[in-house]
C-alpha cells in the first residue's frame, strides 16, 4: 500500500507488479484524486548504499504527458 498526503488529504494507491512491453518488471500504482485517475510507474531495484525508497513517474493514464512528475517514497514506521 502506498499513501500520498497532499494538502492534508490522504490518497491510497492500488499497486501491483506488472511487465512493460520490454518485459521489465515495474510497480504500477493507481490513485483517484478528486475523481481524476493518476498512475505511477515505479522502478524496482535495490541499492544497499542508500535508504530504502521507491522512485516513481506520475502521470494521467488517459492523456499524453510530456513531463511526468517524479515522486520518491520512503518507508515509515507505523
Protein backbone atom coordinates (compact mmCIF):
# COMPACT_ATOMS: atom_id res chain seq x y z
CA UNK A 1 0.00 0.00 0.00
CA UNK A 2 1.26 3.46 -0.93
CA UNK A 3 -0.20 6.57 0.66
CA UNK A 4 0.14 10.10 -0.68
CA UNK A 5 -0.71 13.04 1.53
CA UNK A 6 -1.39 16.22 -0.44
CA UNK A 7 -2.73 19.33 1.30
CA UNK A 8 -3.75 17.19 4.27
CA UNK A 9 -5.75 14.74 2.14
CA UNK A 10 -4.63 11.09 2.16
CA UNK A 11 -4.84 9.07 -1.07
CA UNK A 12 -4.26 5.31 -1.04
CA UNK A 13 -2.92 3.51 -4.12
CA UNK A 14 -3.76 0.14 -5.52
CA UNK A 15 -0.36 -1.18 -6.61
CA UNK A 16 0.83 -4.31 -8.36
CA UNK A 17 3.84 -5.67 -10.19
CA UNK A 18 3.43 -5.55 -13.98
CA UNK A 19 5.64 -6.13 -17.00
CA UNK A 20 6.31 -3.40 -19.56
CA UNK A 21 6.32 -4.01 -23.32
CA UNK A 22 10.11 -4.58 -22.94
CA UNK A 23 9.46 -7.33 -20.36
CA UNK A 24 10.78 -5.19 -17.47
CA UNK A 25 9.08 -5.62 -14.09
CA UNK A 26 7.75 -2.37 -12.59
CA UNK A 27 5.44 -1.41 -9.75
CA UNK A 28 2.26 0.30 -11.04
CA UNK A 29 0.27 2.41 -8.57
CA UNK A 30 -3.19 3.74 -9.37
CA UNK A 31 -4.82 6.59 -7.42
CA UNK A 32 -8.02 8.56 -7.74
CA UNK A 33 -7.59 12.23 -6.84
CA UNK A 34 -10.87 14.16 -6.93
CA UNK A 35 -12.26 11.52 -9.34
CA UNK A 36 -9.24 12.10 -11.62
CA UNK A 37 -7.11 8.95 -12.23
CA UNK A 38 -3.37 9.16 -11.58
CA UNK A 39 -0.99 6.35 -12.47
CA UNK A 40 2.60 5.84 -11.40
CA UNK A 41 5.29 3.62 -12.86
CA UNK A 42 7.99 2.79 -10.33
CA UNK A 43 11.35 1.14 -10.88
CA UNK A 44 12.07 -1.94 -8.81
CA UNK A 45 15.68 -2.14 -7.71
CA UNK A 46 17.80 -2.17 -4.60
CA UNK A 47 20.75 -0.10 -3.52
CA UNK A 48 22.39 -1.13 -0.27
CA UNK A 49 24.30 2.17 0.00
CA UNK A 50 21.17 4.33 0.43
CA UNK A 51 17.95 4.37 2.43
CA UNK A 52 15.19 2.17 1.04
CA UNK A 53 12.94 4.05 -1.36
CA UNK A 54 10.71 3.69 -4.40
CA UNK A 55 11.04 6.25 -7.20
CA UNK A 56 8.04 6.75 -9.49
CA UNK A 57 6.92 8.77 -12.50
CA UNK A 58 3.37 10.15 -12.02
CA UNK A 59 1.06 10.88 -14.95
CA UNK A 60 -2.50 10.76 -16.24
CA UNK A 61 -3.11 7.36 -17.85
CA UNK A 62 -5.65 8.80 -20.32
CA UNK A 63 -3.73 11.82 -21.67
CA UNK A 64 -0.27 12.20 -23.19
CA UNK A 65 2.18 13.53 -20.60
CA UNK A 66 5.25 15.30 -21.93
CA UNK A 67 6.80 15.85 -18.48
CA UNK A 68 5.65 13.36 -15.81
CA UNK A 69 6.07 14.19 -12.13
CA UNK A 70 8.75 12.42 -10.11
CA UNK A 71 7.97 11.16 -6.61
CA UNK A 72 10.03 9.21 -4.11
CA UNK A 73 8.52 7.13 -1.31
CA UNK A 74 10.31 6.07 1.86
CA UNK A 75 9.13 3.51 4.42
CA UNK A 76 7.82 4.87 7.71
CA UNK A 77 7.25 3.09 10.98
CA UNK A 78 3.57 2.82 11.95
